[in-house]
Amino acid sequence: MIKVLFVCLGNICRSPLAEAILINKVQQRGKSDFIKADSCGTSNYNIGLPPDARTMANAAENGITVKHMARQLSRKDFDAFDLILAMDKSNLKNILGLSPSKDQLQKIHLMREFDPLGTGDVPDPYYGGKNDFQEVFDILDRSINHLLTTNLFLH
């Protein structure tokens, strides 16, 4: 089983949406027994809260159901997950700040390393509008599509 963890700042916009998109794609492919997804935030701002209402609305408009309660990244996550995907460079820095072991570093990446249309950060839509949430959905959707074609998932 491959376990994927998506990480953003507050775990209410980008990372729970990425988790839900991956879960949806895995279910469509009949691979739910082989791939698991979760998400968390580097901050403790929203622990125990559901995703942002705009994230939920955007996901629903795109045929995705989000079922998640915010939690914070912990050291245990480095052992529990095979792939840890940060939404931006700031969160990547925070993840690395938890001092994962050298053998755990290979599993930590930026989400957009898997985006066929570009690299960089997945922008945080929190202070934006509907179009910003859709842009994030589109980036995550195509990045996850590409991720699922990598050697890690081809088996």
N, C-alpha and C. Protein backbone atom coordinates (compact mmCIF):
# COMPACT_ATOMS: atom_id res chain seq x y z
N MET A 1 0.84 -1.18 0.00
CA MET A 1 0.00 0.00 0.00
C MET A 1 0.88 1.24 0.00
N ILE A 2 0.50 2.23 -0.81
CA ILE A 2 1.19 3.50 -0.88
C ILE A 2 0.35 4.54 -0.13
N LYS A 3 1.00 5.24 0.78
CA LYS A 3 0.30 6.26 1.59
C LYS A 3 0.86 7.64 1.24
N VAL A 4 -0.05 8.53 0.84
CA VAL A 4 0.32 9.87 0.40
C VAL A 4 -0.24 10.90 1.38
N LEU A 5 0.60 11.86 1.77
CA LEU A 5 0.19 12.94 2.66
C LEU A 5 0.37 14.27 1.94
N PHE A 6 -0.70 15.05 1.87
CA PHE A 6 -0.66 16.38 1.29
C PHE A 6 -0.59 17.39 2.43
N VAL A 7 0.28 18.40 2.28
CA VAL A 7 0.51 19.35 3.37
C VAL A 7 0.42 20.79 2.87
N CYS A 8 -0.39 21.58 3.56
CA CYS A 8 -0.44 23.03 3.32
C CYS A 8 -0.32 23.72 4.67
N LEU A 9 -0.68 24.98 4.75
CA LEU A 9 -0.52 25.72 5.99
C LEU A 9 -1.59 25.38 7.03
N GLY A 10 -2.85 25.60 6.69
CA GLY A 10 -3.92 25.43 7.67
C GLY A 10 -4.75 24.17 7.53
N ASN A 11 -4.53 23.42 6.46
CA ASN A 11 -5.25 22.16 6.20
C ASN A 11 -6.76 22.38 6.05
N ILE A 12 -7.13 23.52 5.43
CA ILE A 12 -8.56 23.74 5.17
C ILE A 12 -8.86 24.09 3.72
N CYS A 13 -7.83 24.31 2.89
CA CYS A 13 -8.07 24.65 1.48
C CYS A 13 -7.36 23.66 0.55
N ARG A 14 -6.08 23.85 0.35
CA ARG A 14 -5.36 23.08 -0.67
C ARG A 14 -5.18 21.61 -0.33
N SER A 15 -4.65 21.31 0.83
CA SER A 15 -4.32 19.90 1.12
C SER A 15 -5.54 19.00 1.27
N PRO A 16 -6.64 19.43 1.91
CA PRO A 16 -7.79 18.52 1.95
C PRO A 16 -8.42 18.33 0.57
N LEU A 17 -8.31 19.35 -0.29
CA LEU A 17 -8.81 19.21 -1.65
C LEU A 17 -7.96 18.20 -2.42
N ALA A 18 -6.64 18.30 -2.28
CA ALA A 18 -5.75 17.33 -2.94
C ALA A 18 -6.04 15.91 -2.46
N GLU A 19 -6.21 15.77 -1.16
CA GLU A 19 -6.55 14.45 -0.59
C GLU A 19 -7.83 13.91 -1.23
N ALA A 20 -8.86 14.73 -1.31
CA ALA A 20 -10.14 14.29 -1.86
C ALA A 20 -10.04 13.97 -3.35
N ILE A 21 -9.27 14.75 -4.09
CA ILE A 21 -9.09 14.47 -5.52
C ILE A 21 -8.40 13.13 -5.70
N LEU A 22 -7.34 12.89 -4.93
CA LEU A 22 -6.64 11.61 -5.06
C LEU A 22 -7.55 10.45 -4.68
N ILE A 23 -8.28 10.58 -3.60
CA ILE A 23 -9.19 9.52 -3.18
C ILE A 23 -10.21 9.23 -4.29
N ASN A 24 -10.76 10.27 -4.89
CA ASN A 24 -11.72 10.10 -5.98
C ASN A 24 -11.10 9.37 -7.16
N LYS A 25 -9.92 9.77 -7.57
CA LYS A 25 -9.26 9.14 -8.72
C LYS A 25 -8.90 7.69 -8.43
N VAL A 26 -8.47 7.43 -7.21
CA VAL A 26 -8.11 6.07 -6.83
C VAL A 26 -9.36 5.18 -6.83
N GLN A 27 -10.47 5.69 -6.32
CA GLN A 27 -11.72 4.92 -6.33
C GLN A 27 -12.17 4.64 -7.76
N GLN A 28 -12.07 5.62 -8.64
CA GLN A 28 -12.46 5.44 -10.04
C GLN A 28 -11.63 4.37 -10.72
N ARG A 29 -10.37 4.24 -10.30
CA ARG A 29 -9.46 3.26 -10.90
C ARG A 29 -9.52 1.90 -10.19
N GLY A 30 -10.33 1.79 -9.14
CA GLY A 30 -10.43 0.54 -8.39
C GLY A 30 -9.16 0.21 -7.61
N LYS A 31 -8.44 1.25 -7.17
CA LYS A 31 -7.16 1.05 -6.47
C LYS A 31 -7.21 1.44 -5.00
N SER A 32 -8.40 1.52 -4.43
CA SER A 32 -8.54 1.97 -3.04
C SER A 32 -7.79 1.08 -2.05
N ASP A 33 -7.56 -0.17 -2.40
CA ASP A 33 -6.83 -1.07 -1.51
C ASP A 33 -5.32 -0.86 -1.60
N PHE A 34 -4.87 -0.08 -2.60
CA PHE A 34 -3.44 0.07 -2.84
C PHE A 34 -2.90 1.47 -2.55
N ILE A 35 -3.79 2.47 -2.56
CA ILE A 35 -3.35 3.85 -2.37
C ILE A 35 -4.26 4.53 -1.35
N LYS A 36 -3.65 5.12 -0.33
CA LYS A 36 -4.39 5.86 0.69
C LYS A 36 -3.90 7.30 0.72
N ALA A 37 -4.78 8.22 1.06
CA ALA A 37 -4.42 9.63 1.12
C ALA A 37 -4.88 10.25 2.42
N ASP A 38 -4.14 11.26 2.87
CA ASP A 38 -4.49 12.05 4.04
C ASP A 38 -3.92 13.44 3.79
N SER A 39 -4.27 14.37 4.66
CA SER A 39 -3.71 15.70 4.56
C SER A 39 -3.57 16.31 5.94
N CYS A 40 -2.74 17.34 6.02
CA CYS A 40 -2.52 18.04 7.28
C CYS A 40 -1.95 19.41 6.99
N GLY A 41 -1.80 20.19 8.03
CA GLY A 41 -1.23 21.52 7.91
C GLY A 41 0.03 21.63 8.75
N THR A 42 0.88 22.58 8.38
CA THR A 42 2.07 22.80 9.19
C THR A 42 1.75 23.66 10.41
N SER A 43 0.64 24.39 10.36
CA SER A 43 0.24 25.22 11.50
C SER A 43 -0.79 24.49 12.36
N ASN A 44 -1.07 25.07 13.52
CA ASN A 44 -2.10 24.51 14.39
C ASN A 44 -3.36 25.37 14.38
N TYR A 45 -3.53 26.22 13.37
CA TYR A 45 -4.62 27.19 13.32
C TYR A 45 -6.02 26.56 13.33
N ASN A 46 -6.18 25.46 12.65
CA ASN A 46 -7.54 24.96 12.38
C ASN A 46 -7.79 23.54 12.86
N ILE A 47 -7.01 23.04 13.77
CA ILE A 47 -7.12 21.64 14.21
C ILE A 47 -8.57 21.33 14.58
N GLY A 48 -9.09 20.24 14.01
CA GLY A 48 -10.44 19.78 14.31
C GLY A 48 -11.54 20.44 13.49
N LEU A 49 -11.19 21.40 12.64
CA LEU A 49 -12.20 22.09 11.83
C LEU A 49 -12.35 21.44 10.46
N PRO A 50 -13.54 21.54 9.86
CA PRO A 50 -13.73 21.03 8.50
C PRO A 50 -13.05 21.98 7.51
N PRO A 51 -12.91 21.56 6.26
CA PRO A 51 -12.34 22.43 5.24
C PRO A 51 -13.16 23.71 5.06
N ASP A 52 -12.51 24.71 4.51
CA ASP A 52 -13.14 25.99 4.19
C ASP A 52 -14.37 25.74 3.32
N ALA A 53 -15.44 26.48 3.57
CA ALA A 53 -16.69 26.30 2.82
C ALA A 53 -16.49 26.49 1.32
N ARG A 54 -15.58 27.39 0.94
CA ARG A 54 -15.31 27.63 -0.48
C ARG A 54 -14.60 26.44 -1.11
N THR A 55 -13.76 25.78 -0.36
CA THR A 55 -13.11 24.56 -0.84
C THR A 55 -14.15 23.47 -1.06
N MET A 56 -15.05 23.34 -0.10
CA MET A 56 -16.12 22.33 -0.20
C MET A 56 -17.01 22.61 -1.41
N ALA A 57 -17.36 23.87 -1.62
CA ALA A 57 -18.20 24.24 -2.75
C ALA A 57 -17.49 23.98 -4.07
N ASN A 58 -16.21 24.33 -4.15
CA ASN A 58 -15.45 24.10 -5.37
C ASN A 58 -15.33 22.61 -5.66
N ALA A 59 -15.05 21.83 -4.64
CA ALA A 59 -14.94 20.38 -4.83
C ALA A 59 -16.26 19.82 -5.34
N ALA A 60 -17.36 20.21 -4.73
CA ALA A 60 -18.68 19.73 -5.15
C ALA A 60 -18.97 20.10 -6.61
N GLU A 61 -18.62 21.32 -6.99
CA GLU A 61 -18.82 21.76 -8.38
C GLU A 61 -18.03 20.91 -9.36
N ASN A 62 -16.93 20.33 -8.88
CA ASN A 62 -16.08 19.48 -9.72
C ASN A 62 -16.31 17.99 -9.47
N GLY A 63 -17.41 17.66 -8.78
CA GLY A 63 -17.78 16.26 -8.58
C GLY A 63 -16.96 15.52 -7.53
N ILE A 64 -16.39 16.25 -6.60
CA ILE A 64 -15.53 15.66 -5.58
C ILE A 64 -16.15 15.90 -4.20
N THR A 65 -16.13 14.87 -3.36
CA THR A 65 -16.59 14.99 -1.99
C THR A 65 -15.37 15.07 -1.08
N VAL A 66 -15.36 16.05 -0.19
CA VAL A 66 -14.26 16.22 0.76
C VAL A 66 -14.76 15.81 2.14
N LYS A 67 -14.06 14.84 2.74
CA LYS A 67 -14.37 14.40 4.11
C LYS A 67 -13.08 14.46 4.90
N HIS A 68 -12.92 15.54 5.66
CA HIS A 68 -11.67 15.71 6.38
C HIS A 68 -11.86 16.69 7.54
N MET A 69 -11.11 16.49 8.58
CA MET A 69 -11.02 17.44 9.69
C MET A 69 -9.55 17.82 9.81
N ALA A 70 -9.28 19.11 9.93
CA ALA A 70 -7.91 19.61 9.93
C ALA A 70 -7.09 19.03 11.08
N ARG A 71 -5.84 18.76 10.77
CA ARG A 71 -4.89 18.30 11.77
C ARG A 71 -3.52 18.88 11.44
N GLN A 72 -2.63 18.79 12.39
CA GLN A 72 -1.29 19.34 12.21
C GLN A 72 -0.30 18.23 11.92
N LEU A 73 0.67 18.53 11.07
CA LEU A 73 1.76 17.62 10.76
C LEU A 73 2.51 17.25 12.03
N SER A 74 2.89 15.98 12.14
CA SER A 74 3.68 15.54 13.29
C SER A 74 4.86 14.70 12.81
N ARG A 75 5.81 14.50 13.68
CA ARG A 75 6.98 13.68 13.34
C ARG A 75 6.58 12.26 12.93
N LYS A 76 5.50 11.75 13.52
CA LYS A 76 5.04 10.39 13.20
C LYS A 76 4.67 10.24 11.72
N ASP A 77 4.26 11.36 11.10
CA ASP A 77 3.87 11.31 9.70
C ASP A 77 5.02 10.89 8.78
N PHE A 78 6.25 11.19 9.16
CA PHE A 78 7.39 10.83 8.32
C PHE A 78 7.54 9.32 8.19
N ASP A 79 7.18 8.60 9.23
CA ASP A 79 7.24 7.14 9.18
C ASP A 79 5.96 6.54 8.59
N ALA A 80 4.84 7.22 8.78
CA ALA A 80 3.55 6.67 8.37
C ALA A 80 3.27 6.80 6.88
N PHE A 81 3.93 7.75 6.19
CA PHE A 81 3.61 8.01 4.79
C PHE A 81 4.80 7.74 3.88
N ASP A 82 4.48 7.30 2.66
CA ASP A 82 5.49 7.00 1.65
C ASP A 82 5.84 8.22 0.80
N LEU A 83 4.91 9.16 0.73
CA LEU A 83 5.10 10.35 -0.08
C LEU A 83 4.45 11.53 0.64
N ILE A 84 5.22 12.60 0.84
CA ILE A 84 4.72 13.79 1.52
C ILE A 84 4.86 14.95 0.54
N LEU A 85 3.72 15.55 0.19
CA LEU A 85 3.69 16.58 -0.85
C LEU A 85 3.30 17.93 -0.27
N ALA A 86 4.24 18.86 -0.29
CA ALA A 86 4.01 20.22 0.21
C ALA A 86 3.40 21.06 -0.89
N MET A 87 2.46 21.92 -0.52
CA MET A 87 1.79 22.77 -1.50
C MET A 87 2.65 23.95 -1.94
N ASP A 88 3.60 24.37 -1.10
CA ASP A 88 4.45 25.50 -1.48
C ASP A 88 5.78 25.42 -0.76
N LYS A 89 6.69 26.30 -1.15
CA LYS A 89 8.05 26.29 -0.60
C LYS A 89 8.07 26.62 0.89
N SER A 90 7.17 27.47 1.34
CA SER A 90 7.10 27.81 2.76
C SER A 90 6.74 26.59 3.59
N ASN A 91 5.75 25.84 3.13
CA ASN A 91 5.37 24.62 3.85
C ASN A 91 6.45 23.55 3.74
N LEU A 92 7.13 23.49 2.60
CA LEU A 92 8.24 22.56 2.46
C LEU A 92 9.31 22.87 3.51
N LYS A 93 9.62 24.13 3.68
CA LYS A 93 10.61 24.55 4.69
C LYS A 93 10.14 24.13 6.08
N ASN A 94 8.85 24.32 6.39
CA ASN A 94 8.32 23.92 7.69
C ASN A 94 8.38 22.41 7.89
N ILE A 95 8.11 21.66 6.83
CA ILE A 95 8.19 20.19 6.91
C ILE A 95 9.63 19.79 7.22
N LEU A 96 10.56 20.35 6.48
CA LEU A 96 11.98 20.02 6.68
C LEU A 96 12.46 20.48 8.06
N GLY A 97 11.80 21.50 8.61
CA GLY A 97 12.14 22.00 9.95
C GLY A 97 11.86 21.01 11.06
N LEU A 98 11.03 20.02 10.77
CA LEU A 98 10.77 18.96 11.76
C LEU A 98 11.88 17.92 11.78
N SER A 99 12.92 18.16 11.00
CA SER A 99 14.12 17.33 10.97
C SER A 99 13.86 15.86 10.65
N PRO A 100 13.28 15.61 9.49
CA PRO A 100 13.14 14.21 9.10
C PRO A 100 14.53 13.59 8.93
N SER A 101 14.61 12.28 9.10
CA SER A 101 15.89 11.60 8.92
C SER A 101 16.29 11.65 7.44
N LYS A 102 17.56 11.40 7.18
CA LYS A 102 18.05 11.47 5.80
C LYS A 102 17.31 10.52 4.88
N ASP A 103 16.95 9.33 5.36
CA ASP A 103 16.23 8.39 4.51
C ASP A 103 14.78 8.82 4.27
N GLN A 104 14.26 9.72 5.09
CA GLN A 104 12.89 10.22 4.90
C GLN A 104 12.84 11.39 3.93
N LEU A 105 13.95 12.06 3.70
CA LEU A 105 13.98 13.22 2.83
C LEU A 105 13.54 12.90 1.40
N GLN A 106 13.84 11.69 0.95
CA GLN A 106 13.50 11.30 -0.43
C GLN A 106 12.00 11.24 -0.68
N LYS A 107 11.20 11.18 0.34
CA LYS A 107 9.75 11.08 0.17
C LYS A 107 9.06 12.44 0.22
N ILE A 108 9.81 13.52 0.43
CA ILE A 108 9.23 14.86 0.57
C ILE A 108 9.45 15.65 -0.73
N HIS A 109 8.36 16.16 -1.30
CA HIS A 109 8.42 16.87 -2.58
C HIS A 109 7.43 18.03 -2.57
N LEU A 110 7.63 18.94 -3.51
CA LEU A 110 6.62 19.97 -3.79
C LEU A 110 5.55 19.36 -4.69
N MET A 111 4.31 19.68 -4.45
CA MET A 111 3.20 19.16 -5.25
C MET A 111 3.41 19.42 -6.74
N ARG A 112 3.86 20.61 -7.09
CA ARG A 112 3.94 20.96 -8.50
C ARG A 112 5.14 20.34 -9.21
N GLU A 113 5.94 19.56 -8.51
CA GLU A 113 6.95 18.76 -9.21
C GLU A 113 6.26 17.77 -10.14
N PHE A 114 4.98 17.51 -9.88
CA PHE A 114 4.21 16.56 -10.69
C PHE A 114 3.27 17.27 -11.66
N ASP A 115 3.34 18.58 -11.75
CA ASP A 115 2.47 19.36 -12.64
C ASP A 115 3.12 19.43 -14.02
N PRO A 116 2.52 18.84 -15.03
CA PRO A 116 3.11 18.89 -16.37
C PRO A 116 3.14 20.28 -16.98
N LEU A 117 2.40 21.24 -16.40
CA LEU A 117 2.36 22.59 -16.96
C LEU A 117 3.25 23.60 -16.23
N GLY A 118 3.94 23.16 -15.21
CA GLY A 118 4.82 24.11 -14.54
C GLY A 118 5.16 23.71 -13.13
N THR A 119 6.15 24.41 -12.59
CA THR A 119 6.61 24.14 -11.23
C THR A 119 6.29 25.34 -10.35
N GLY A 120 6.73 25.30 -9.13
CA GLY A 120 6.49 26.40 -8.20
C GLY A 120 5.48 26.00 -7.15
N ASP A 121 4.80 27.01 -6.63
CA ASP A 121 3.84 26.79 -5.55
C ASP A 121 2.43 26.57 -6.06
N VAL A 122 1.65 25.80 -5.31
CA VAL A 122 0.20 25.79 -5.48
C VAL A 122 -0.27 27.02 -4.70
N PRO A 123 -0.83 28.02 -5.36
CA PRO A 123 -1.18 29.25 -4.65
C PRO A 123 -2.26 29.01 -3.59
N ASP A 124 -2.14 29.74 -2.49
CA ASP A 124 -3.14 29.63 -1.43
C ASP A 124 -4.35 30.49 -1.81
N PRO A 125 -5.52 29.88 -1.98
CA PRO A 125 -6.69 30.64 -2.42
C PRO A 125 -7.44 31.33 -1.28
N TYR A 126 -6.97 31.18 -0.05
CA TYR A 126 -7.74 31.60 1.12
C TYR A 126 -8.25 33.04 1.02
N TYR A 127 -7.42 33.95 0.56
CA TYR A 127 -7.83 35.36 0.47
C TYR A 127 -8.35 35.71 -0.92
N GLY A 128 -8.56 34.71 -1.74
CA GLY A 128 -9.03 34.95 -3.10
C GLY A 128 -10.50 34.66 -3.28
N GLY A 129 -10.89 34.59 -4.53
CA GLY A 129 -12.28 34.35 -4.86
C GLY A 129 -12.48 33.00 -5.53
N LYS A 130 -13.65 32.84 -6.11
CA LYS A 130 -14.04 31.57 -6.73
C LYS A 130 -13.05 31.12 -7.79
N ASN A 131 -12.56 32.05 -8.60
CA ASN A 131 -11.61 31.69 -9.66
C ASN A 131 -10.29 31.16 -9.08
N ASP A 132 -9.89 31.70 -7.94
CA ASP A 132 -8.66 31.24 -7.30
C ASP A 132 -8.81 29.80 -6.81
N PHE A 133 -9.97 29.48 -6.27
CA PHE A 133 -10.22 28.11 -5.82
C PHE A 133 -10.26 27.15 -7.02
N GLN A 134 -10.81 27.60 -8.14
CA GLN A 134 -10.84 26.76 -9.33
C GLN A 134 -9.44 26.57 -9.90
N GLU A 135 -8.61 27.61 -9.85
CA GLU A 135 -7.23 27.49 -10.32
C GLU A 135 -6.49 26.43 -9.50
N VAL A 136 -6.69 26.46 -8.19
CA VAL A 136 -6.06 25.47 -7.32
C VAL A 136 -6.57 24.07 -7.66
N PHE A 137 -7.88 23.94 -7.87
CA PHE A 137 -8.43 22.63 -8.24
C PHE A 137 -7.76 22.13 -9.52
N ASP A 138 -7.66 22.98 -10.52
CA ASP A 138 -7.08 22.58 -11.81
C ASP A 138 -5.62 22.15 -11.66
N ILE A 139 -4.84 22.90 -10.89
CA ILE A 139 -3.44 22.54 -10.65
C ILE A 139 -3.35 21.19 -9.96
N LEU A 140 -4.14 21.01 -8.91
CA LEU A 140 -4.11 19.75 -8.16
C LEU A 140 -4.59 18.58 -9.01
N ASP A 141 -5.65 18.79 -9.77
CA ASP A 141 -6.21 17.73 -10.60
C ASP A 141 -5.18 17.21 -11.61
N ARG A 142 -4.54 18.13 -12.33
CA ARG A 142 -3.58 17.66 -13.35
C ARG A 142 -2.30 17.13 -12.70
N SER A 143 -1.89 17.71 -11.57
CA SER A 143 -0.70 17.21 -10.88
C SER A 143 -0.93 15.79 -10.35
N ILE A 144 -2.10 15.56 -9.81
CA ILE A 144 -2.43 14.23 -9.29
C ILE A 144 -2.58 13.23 -10.43
N ASN A 145 -3.16 13.65 -11.54
CA ASN A 145 -3.21 12.77 -12.72
C ASN A 145 -1.81 12.33 -13.10
N HIS A 146 -0.89 13.28 -13.16
CA HIS A 146 0.49 12.96 -13.53
C HIS A 146 1.16 12.10 -12.46
N LEU A 147 0.93 12.43 -11.20
CA LEU A 147 1.48 11.66 -10.09
C LEU A 147 1.09 10.18 -10.21
N LEU A 148 -0.15 9.94 -10.57
CA LEU A 148 -0.63 8.55 -10.66
C LEU A 148 -0.01 7.77 -11.82
N THR A 149 0.70 8.46 -12.71
CA THR A 149 1.38 7.77 -13.81
C THR A 149 2.85 7.54 -13.51
N THR A 150 3.33 7.99 -12.34
CA THR A 150 4.74 7.82 -12.01
C THR A 150 5.03 6.39 -11.58
N ASN A 151 6.30 6.04 -11.57
CA ASN A 151 6.73 4.68 -11.22
C ASN A 151 6.22 4.24 -9.86
N LEU A 152 6.09 5.18 -8.93
CA LEU A 152 5.61 4.85 -7.59
C LEU A 152 4.25 4.16 -7.64
N PHE A 153 3.41 4.57 -8.60
CA PHE A 153 2.04 4.08 -8.64
C PHE A 153 1.77 3.04 -9.72
N LEU A 154 2.72 2.83 -10.61
CA LEU A 154 2.50 1.84 -11.67
C LEU A 154 2.87 0.46 -11.17
N HIS A 155 1.87 -0.31 -10.82
CA HIS A 155 2.10 -1.70 -10.37
C HIS A 155 0.84 -2.50 -10.50
